[in-house]
Amino acid sequence: MSALEDMLQLMRSKHDDLNARLGVMPEERMGDVGSWGQRQMPSRNMFYQMINHEVERTVYVMKTLLGLSIHPTEAQIILSRL
């Protein structure tokens, strides 16, 4: 594997691990308040912040790829959204 492939695999692994740990959050705990940076907010809002971050990063990656004249196929775009 190349260094880039190793890094991508590590990122996927960490992403999957985080999703597994967060995925067991019981419904009744979604209103619990915790720290998000310097702010306090309910866990539910933290989950929504993660969605916003994912969308932001996706747009940034797509913009970077287009700037490098790398045009993903329709199948790649669809799969990237899963």
Protein backbone atom coordinates (compact mmCIF):
# COMPACT_ATOMS: atom_id res chain seq x y z
CA MET A 1 0.00 0.00 0.00
CA SER A 2 1.10 3.55 -0.63
CA ALA A 3 1.37 6.12 2.15
CA LEU A 4 -1.85 7.73 0.89
CA GLU A 5 -3.71 4.42 0.93
CA ASP A 6 -2.42 3.76 4.46
CA MET A 7 -3.64 7.18 5.59
CA LEU A 8 -7.06 6.69 3.99
CA GLN A 9 -7.40 3.28 5.63
CA LEU A 10 -6.50 4.77 9.02
CA MET A 11 -9.05 7.56 8.52
CA ARG A 12 -11.75 5.05 7.53
CA SER A 13 -10.94 2.92 10.56
CA LYS A 14 -11.17 5.87 12.95
CA HIS A 15 -14.41 7.03 11.29
CA ASP A 16 -15.95 3.56 11.60
CA ASP A 17 -14.83 3.25 15.24
CA LEU A 18 -16.35 6.62 16.15
CA ASN A 19 -19.61 5.73 14.42
CA ALA A 20 -19.76 2.41 16.26
CA ARG A 21 -19.20 4.07 19.64
CA LEU A 22 -21.67 6.89 19.02
CA GLY A 23 -24.25 4.58 17.47
CA VAL A 24 -25.14 3.06 20.83
CA MET A 25 -26.33 6.40 22.28
CA PRO A 26 -29.74 5.67 23.82
CA GLU A 27 -32.63 7.87 22.73
CA GLU A 28 -33.25 9.07 26.28
CA ARG A 29 -29.68 10.48 26.48
CA MET A 30 -29.91 12.62 23.32
CA GLY A 31 -30.93 15.63 25.43
CA ASP A 32 -27.98 15.35 27.82
CA VAL A 33 -25.84 18.48 27.77
CA GLY A 34 -22.10 18.31 27.20
CA SER A 35 -19.19 20.39 25.93
CA TRP A 36 -18.71 21.09 22.23
CA GLY A 37 -15.59 23.20 22.06
CA GLN A 38 -16.26 26.19 24.28
CA ARG A 39 -20.03 25.73 24.19
CA GLN A 40 -22.50 23.58 26.07
CA MET A 41 -25.19 21.85 24.03
CA PRO A 42 -27.42 18.79 24.01
CA SER A 43 -25.96 15.59 22.53
CA ARG A 44 -28.60 15.76 19.79
CA ASN A 45 -27.17 19.09 18.60
CA MET A 46 -23.66 17.59 18.60
CA PHE A 47 -24.85 14.85 16.25
CA TYR A 48 -26.32 17.51 13.94
CA GLN A 49 -23.05 19.46 14.09
CA MET A 50 -21.27 16.32 12.87
CA ILE A 51 -23.63 16.13 9.89
CA ASN A 52 -22.92 19.76 9.05
CA HIS A 53 -19.18 19.12 9.26
CA GLU A 54 -19.44 16.09 6.93
CA VAL A 55 -21.34 18.15 4.35
CA GLU A 56 -18.81 20.98 4.60
CA ARG A 57 -15.87 18.58 4.14
CA THR A 58 -17.59 16.86 1.20
CA VAL A 59 -18.04 20.18 -0.59
CA TYR A 60 -14.41 21.09 0.09
CA VAL A 61 -13.14 17.75 -1.25
CA MET A 62 -15.30 18.00 -4.39
CA LYS A 63 -14.07 21.56 -4.99
CA THR A 64 -10.45 20.43 -4.55
CA LEU A 65 -10.89 17.50 -6.93
CA LEU A 66 -12.42 19.75 -9.58
CA GLY A 67 -9.57 22.23 -9.10
CA LEU A 68 -7.16 19.38 -9.82
CA SER A 69 -9.19 18.45 -12.93
CA ILE A 70 -10.25 15.18 -11.29
CA HIS A 71 -13.85 14.51 -12.21
CA PRO A 72 -15.49 11.66 -10.28
CA THR A 73 -17.91 9.43 -12.15
CA GLU A 74 -21.60 9.42 -11.33
CA ALA A 75 -21.17 6.09 -9.54
CA GLN A 76 -18.32 7.51 -7.43
CA ILE A 77 -20.40 10.55 -6.47
CA ILE A 78 -23.36 8.38 -5.45
CA LEU A 79 -21.17 6.00 -3.43
CA SER A 80 -19.42 8.89 -1.70
CA ARG A 81 -22.78 10.00 -0.30
CA LEU A 82 -23.47 6.63 1.38
